[in-house]
């Protein structure tokens, strides 16, 4: 492999980078884009097929040798790179790779543990953070409803800091059915939601739930859809003060994941 300098922004090999702001890109082309040198480095180590790496000339000396042995690297002048992608290319590096196949439900249940489930997580930033949290707390996988953001959007991948490359992720065509299958396999279905019957999260350790759990998180604006709330075994909430009724879903997820996975829970 070597670094290839490109002067023509219409070069066909740069097509995916010209289209990087298209949110439909991962589904339409079967490709996704990773951004930032740490994320790209983790992508190259992940085993996911990488098509190419794009580096601005100002970062060739620092990053060219790091990537050129593992992928085809295209180099552009900084100003030309910014014209190509259509925004301030301050990170100076991105890569294009093949979108992994949608994981099976069985791939999430192969190892015991907690599955993080989002019926409708529409914010790419929140989804990327949730993927990072799931990986950090050792979750068995991430289960998404079809109306959630595409997990292979550039922003999701970037915010996940590359943890998404190793985390089993399934976008379910029928999430209610998948949850019923998990229940049949003795998974407990638990929700992070303030309801009339929800219990404070501090009670979780006393309630004796099994290791195999699914934690459902609702949409930040609208909460959990009723059809999902109705099938839960229990719901928990974080007790708040000063009349604050909610916090960002990723902050709440971090609190829940810590409580549900800590080794010294009762």
Protein backbone atom coordinates (compact mmCIF):
# COMPACT_ATOMS: atom_id res chain seq x y z
CA UNK A 1 0.00 0.00 0.00
CA UNK A 2 1.06 3.60 -0.48
CA UNK A 3 -0.20 7.18 -0.26
CA UNK A 4 -1.75 8.35 -3.55
CA UNK A 5 -1.99 12.10 -4.09
CA UNK A 6 -5.14 13.15 -5.96
CA UNK A 7 -5.63 16.57 -7.55
CA UNK A 8 -8.97 16.11 -9.32
CA UNK A 9 -11.96 16.30 -6.97
CA UNK A 10 -14.09 14.58 -9.61
CA UNK A 11 -11.98 11.44 -9.40
CA UNK A 12 -14.39 8.50 -9.11
CA UNK A 13 -12.36 7.07 -6.24
CA UNK A 14 -13.49 10.03 -4.12
CA UNK A 15 -17.21 9.61 -4.85
CA UNK A 16 -18.14 8.34 -1.38
CA UNK A 17 -16.38 11.28 0.28
CA UNK A 18 -18.20 13.77 -1.97
CA UNK A 19 -21.46 12.22 -0.75
CA UNK A 20 -20.46 12.03 2.91
CA UNK A 21 -23.27 14.31 4.16
CA UNK A 22 -25.95 12.14 2.57
CA UNK A 23 -27.67 10.37 5.51
CA UNK A 24 -28.94 7.66 3.17
CA UNK A 25 -25.40 6.78 2.06
CA UNK A 26 -24.87 3.68 4.25
CA UNK A 27 -28.16 2.10 3.15
CA UNK A 28 -27.99 3.12 -0.51
CA UNK A 29 -24.36 2.30 -1.22
CA UNK A 30 -23.56 -0.36 1.36
CA UNK A 31 -20.66 1.85 2.50
CA UNK A 32 -20.12 3.93 5.61
CA UNK A 33 -17.60 6.60 6.56
CA UNK A 34 -15.50 6.76 9.72
CA UNK A 35 -13.98 10.07 10.79
CA UNK A 36 -11.08 10.94 13.08
CA UNK A 37 -7.70 9.21 13.31
CA UNK A 38 -8.53 7.12 16.40
CA UNK A 39 -11.79 5.89 14.89
CA UNK A 40 -10.09 5.12 11.58
CA UNK A 41 -7.28 3.30 13.37
CA UNK A 42 -9.83 1.14 15.22
CA UNK A 43 -11.71 0.51 11.98
CA UNK A 44 -8.54 -0.77 10.31
CA UNK A 45 -8.00 -3.16 13.22
CA UNK A 46 -11.62 -4.36 13.31
CA UNK A 47 -11.63 -6.75 10.35
CA UNK A 48 -14.35 -4.75 8.56
CA UNK A 49 -13.35 -4.41 4.86
CA UNK A 50 -11.96 -0.90 4.29
CA UNK A 51 -12.16 0.59 0.80
CA UNK A 52 -9.85 3.57 1.33
CA UNK A 53 -8.56 6.23 3.71
CA UNK A 54 -8.59 9.96 2.94
CA UNK A 55 -5.98 12.21 4.56
CA UNK A 56 -5.38 15.92 4.18
CA UNK A 57 -1.80 16.77 3.22
CA UNK A 58 -1.13 18.48 6.55
CA UNK A 59 -1.49 15.12 8.31
CA UNK A 60 0.37 12.87 5.86
CA UNK A 61 3.63 12.80 7.81
CA UNK A 62 1.88 11.89 11.06
CA UNK A 63 -0.79 9.52 9.79
CA UNK A 64 0.33 8.30 6.37
CA UNK A 65 2.73 5.66 7.71
CA UNK A 66 0.16 4.58 10.31
CA UNK A 67 -2.51 3.76 7.71
CA UNK A 68 -0.70 3.11 4.42
CA UNK A 69 0.39 -0.40 5.44
CA UNK A 70 -3.24 -1.42 6.03
CA UNK A 71 -5.27 0.39 3.35
CA UNK A 72 -5.17 2.46 0.19
CA UNK A 73 -4.62 6.07 1.27
CA UNK A 74 -5.67 9.08 -0.80
CA UNK A 75 -4.13 12.47 -0.01
CA UNK A 76 -5.60 15.89 -0.79
CA UNK A 77 -4.54 19.42 0.02
CA UNK A 78 -6.43 20.69 3.08
CA UNK A 79 -8.42 23.27 1.11
CA UNK A 80 -9.33 20.71 -1.56
CA UNK A 81 -10.36 18.18 1.08
CA UNK A 82 -12.72 20.72 2.61
CA UNK A 83 -14.23 21.44 -0.82
CA UNK A 84 -14.71 17.72 -1.32
CA UNK A 85 -16.52 16.96 1.94
CA UNK A 86 -18.28 20.33 2.20
CA UNK A 87 -17.27 21.33 5.72
CA UNK A 88 -14.24 22.18 7.87
CA UNK A 89 -12.19 18.99 7.64
CA UNK A 90 -10.35 19.75 10.88
CA UNK A 91 -9.77 16.11 11.86
CA UNK A 92 -7.88 15.59 8.60
CA UNK A 93 -8.67 11.89 8.17
CA UNK A 94 -11.61 9.66 7.29
CA UNK A 95 -12.11 6.22 5.84
CA UNK A 96 -14.68 4.41 3.74
CA UNK A 97 -15.63 0.83 4.60
CA UNK A 98 -18.19 -1.85 3.77
CA UNK A 99 -21.29 -1.71 5.94
CA UNK A 100 -21.47 -4.88 8.07
CA UNK A 101 -24.48 -7.14 7.65
CA UNK A 102 -27.34 -6.66 10.07
CA UNK A 103 -26.74 -8.99 13.01
CA UNK A 104 -29.11 -11.81 13.90
CA UNK A 105 -30.94 -11.91 17.21
CA UNK A 106 -28.91 -15.02 18.04
CA UNK A 107 -25.69 -13.01 17.81
CA UNK A 108 -26.91 -10.87 20.72
CA UNK A 109 -27.89 -13.86 22.86
CA UNK A 110 -24.75 -15.92 22.31
CA UNK A 111 -23.24 -14.52 25.49
CA UNK A 112 -25.21 -13.98 28.71
CA UNK A 113 -25.67 -10.41 29.80
CA UNK A 114 -27.61 -7.24 29.29
CA UNK A 115 -28.96 -6.19 25.88
CA UNK A 116 -29.56 -2.48 25.40
CA UNK A 117 -32.73 -1.86 23.37
CA UNK A 118 -33.92 1.38 21.75
CA UNK A 119 -37.27 1.21 19.92
CA UNK A 120 -36.90 4.74 18.52
CA UNK A 121 -33.55 6.44 19.09
CA UNK A 122 -33.57 9.13 16.40
CA UNK A 123 -30.59 11.26 17.49
CA UNK A 124 -27.32 10.09 15.88
CA UNK A 125 -25.31 11.70 18.70
CA UNK A 126 -27.30 9.88 21.36
CA UNK A 127 -27.10 6.58 19.49
CA UNK A 128 -23.34 6.88 19.14
CA UNK A 129 -23.00 7.62 22.85
CA UNK A 130 -25.24 4.67 23.71
CA UNK A 131 -23.08 2.35 21.61
CA UNK A 132 -20.00 3.57 23.48
CA UNK A 133 -21.72 3.07 26.84
CA UNK A 134 -22.95 -0.40 25.87
CA UNK A 135 -19.42 -1.42 24.92
CA UNK A 136 -17.91 0.20 28.00
CA UNK A 137 -20.23 -1.60 30.43
CA UNK A 138 -19.93 -4.95 28.66
CA UNK A 139 -23.43 -5.16 27.21
CA UNK A 140 -24.11 -8.18 25.01
CA UNK A 141 -25.36 -6.00 22.17
CA UNK A 142 -27.56 -3.18 20.93
CA UNK A 143 -31.07 -3.91 19.63
CA UNK A 144 -32.74 -1.12 17.62
CA UNK A 145 -36.18 -0.50 16.17
CA UNK A 146 -36.46 0.33 12.47
CA UNK A 147 -37.35 3.97 13.19
CA UNK A 148 -34.07 4.55 15.03
CA UNK A 149 -31.16 6.34 13.36
CA UNK A 150 -29.00 4.24 11.11
CA UNK A 151 -26.17 2.95 13.34
CA UNK A 152 -23.71 3.36 10.46
CA UNK A 153 -24.23 7.09 9.96
CA UNK A 154 -20.95 9.01 10.05
CA UNK A 155 -21.98 10.91 13.17
CA UNK A 156 -23.00 7.76 15.05
CA UNK A 157 -19.71 6.06 14.20
CA UNK A 158 -17.70 9.12 15.22
CA UNK A 159 -19.45 9.64 18.57
CA UNK A 160 -19.12 5.92 19.35
CA UNK A 161 -15.33 6.39 19.08
CA UNK A 162 -15.15 3.17 17.06
CA UNK A 163 -16.64 0.93 19.77
CA UNK A 164 -19.45 0.24 17.32
CA UNK A 165 -17.08 -1.91 15.22
CA UNK A 166 -16.96 -4.63 17.88
CA UNK A 167 -20.46 -4.31 19.38
CA UNK A 168 -23.15 -6.68 18.04
CA UNK A 169 -25.90 -4.45 16.61
CA UNK A 170 -29.25 -5.55 15.25
CA UNK A 171 -31.80 -3.30 13.55
CA UNK A 172 -34.94 -5.34 13.99
CA UNK A 173 -37.63 -5.44 11.27
CA UNK A 174 -40.11 -6.43 14.02
CA UNK A 175 -38.88 -5.34 17.42
CA UNK A 176 -41.96 -6.47 19.35
CA UNK A 177 -41.53 -9.97 17.96
CA UNK A 178 -37.82 -9.99 18.82
CA UNK A 179 -38.64 -9.01 22.39
CA UNK A 180 -41.20 -11.80 22.64
CA UNK A 181 -38.55 -14.25 21.44
CA UNK A 182 -36.17 -12.95 24.11
CA UNK A 183 -38.85 -13.35 26.75
CA UNK A 184 -39.36 -16.95 25.65
CA UNK A 185 -35.62 -17.40 26.21
CA UNK A 186 -36.07 -16.20 29.82
CA UNK A 187 -34.79 -12.67 29.35
CA UNK A 188 -36.24 -10.09 31.76
CA UNK A 189 -37.61 -7.01 29.95
CA UNK A 190 -36.91 -3.90 32.00
CA UNK A 191 -37.57 -0.26 31.18
CA UNK A 192 -35.90 3.02 32.08
CA UNK A 193 -39.03 5.15 32.38
CA UNK A 194 -40.85 7.21 35.00
CA UNK A 195 -44.38 5.81 35.25
CA UNK A 196 -47.07 5.51 37.93
CA UNK A 197 -45.75 2.07 38.86
CA UNK A 198 -41.98 2.48 38.28
CA UNK A 199 -39.61 1.91 41.17
CA UNK A 200 -36.51 3.93 42.06
CA UNK A 201 -33.41 2.50 40.40
CA UNK A 202 -31.82 2.00 43.82
CA UNK A 203 -34.35 -0.84 44.32
CA UNK A 204 -33.01 -2.77 41.35
CA UNK A 205 -30.41 -4.67 43.34
CA UNK A 206 -33.05 -5.93 45.78
CA UNK A 207 -35.46 -7.20 43.13
CA UNK A 208 -33.54 -10.34 42.20
CA UNK A 209 -33.56 -10.13 38.42
CA UNK A 210 -31.55 -12.69 36.50
CA UNK A 211 -28.38 -11.88 34.60
CA UNK A 212 -30.06 -12.05 31.18
CA UNK A 213 -31.88 -8.74 30.84
CA UNK A 214 -33.05 -6.35 28.15
CA UNK A 215 -32.98 -2.67 29.15
CA UNK A 216 -35.36 -0.57 27.03
CA UNK A 217 -34.78 3.15 26.63
CA UNK A 218 -37.48 5.41 25.25
CA UNK A 219 -37.26 8.29 22.84
CA UNK A 220 -36.02 11.37 24.69
CA UNK A 221 -38.93 13.56 23.61
CA UNK A 222 -41.79 11.05 23.69
CA UNK A 223 -40.66 8.29 26.03
CA UNK A 224 -41.50 4.63 25.57
CA UNK A 225 -44.25 3.68 23.08
CA UNK A 226 -47.26 2.17 24.94
CA UNK A 227 -46.97 -1.21 23.20
CA UNK A 228 -43.46 -1.59 24.61
CA UNK A 229 -44.35 -0.35 28.08
CA UNK A 230 -47.15 -2.93 28.25
CA UNK A 231 -44.79 -5.87 27.79
CA UNK A 232 -42.17 -4.88 30.39
CA UNK A 233 -41.60 -6.95 33.50
CA UNK A 234 -40.69 -3.81 35.47
CA UNK A 235 -39.76 -0.17 35.04
CA UNK A 236 -37.29 1.88 37.03
CA UNK A 237 -36.59 5.59 37.30
CA UNK A 238 -33.80 7.79 38.62
CA UNK A 239 -35.02 9.90 41.50
CA UNK A 240 -34.45 13.59 40.79
CA UNK A 241 -34.57 16.76 42.87
CA UNK A 242 -35.53 20.39 42.24
CA UNK A 243 -38.49 19.42 40.03
CA UNK A 244 -36.22 18.06 37.28
CA UNK A 245 -38.26 15.31 35.62
CA UNK A 246 -35.64 13.94 33.19
CA UNK A 247 -32.04 14.03 32.01
CA UNK A 248 -30.42 13.30 28.67
CA UNK A 249 -31.05 9.70 27.64
CA UNK A 250 -27.35 8.91 27.43
CA UNK A 251 -26.75 10.23 30.96
CA UNK A 252 -29.65 8.14 32.21
CA UNK A 253 -28.33 5.10 30.33
CA UNK A 254 -24.93 5.47 32.00
CA UNK A 255 -26.55 5.48 35.46
CA UNK A 256 -28.71 2.46 34.63
CA UNK A 257 -25.88 0.48 33.07
CA UNK A 258 -23.62 1.14 36.03
CA UNK A 259 -26.27 -0.01 38.50
CA UNK A 260 -27.29 -3.05 36.48
CA UNK A 261 -23.79 -4.33 35.74
CA UNK A 262 -21.80 -3.48 38.86
CA UNK A 263 -20.29 -6.53 40.48
CA UNK A 264 -21.32 -5.74 44.05
CA UNK A 265 -25.05 -5.32 43.41
CA UNK A 266 -27.23 -7.18 45.85
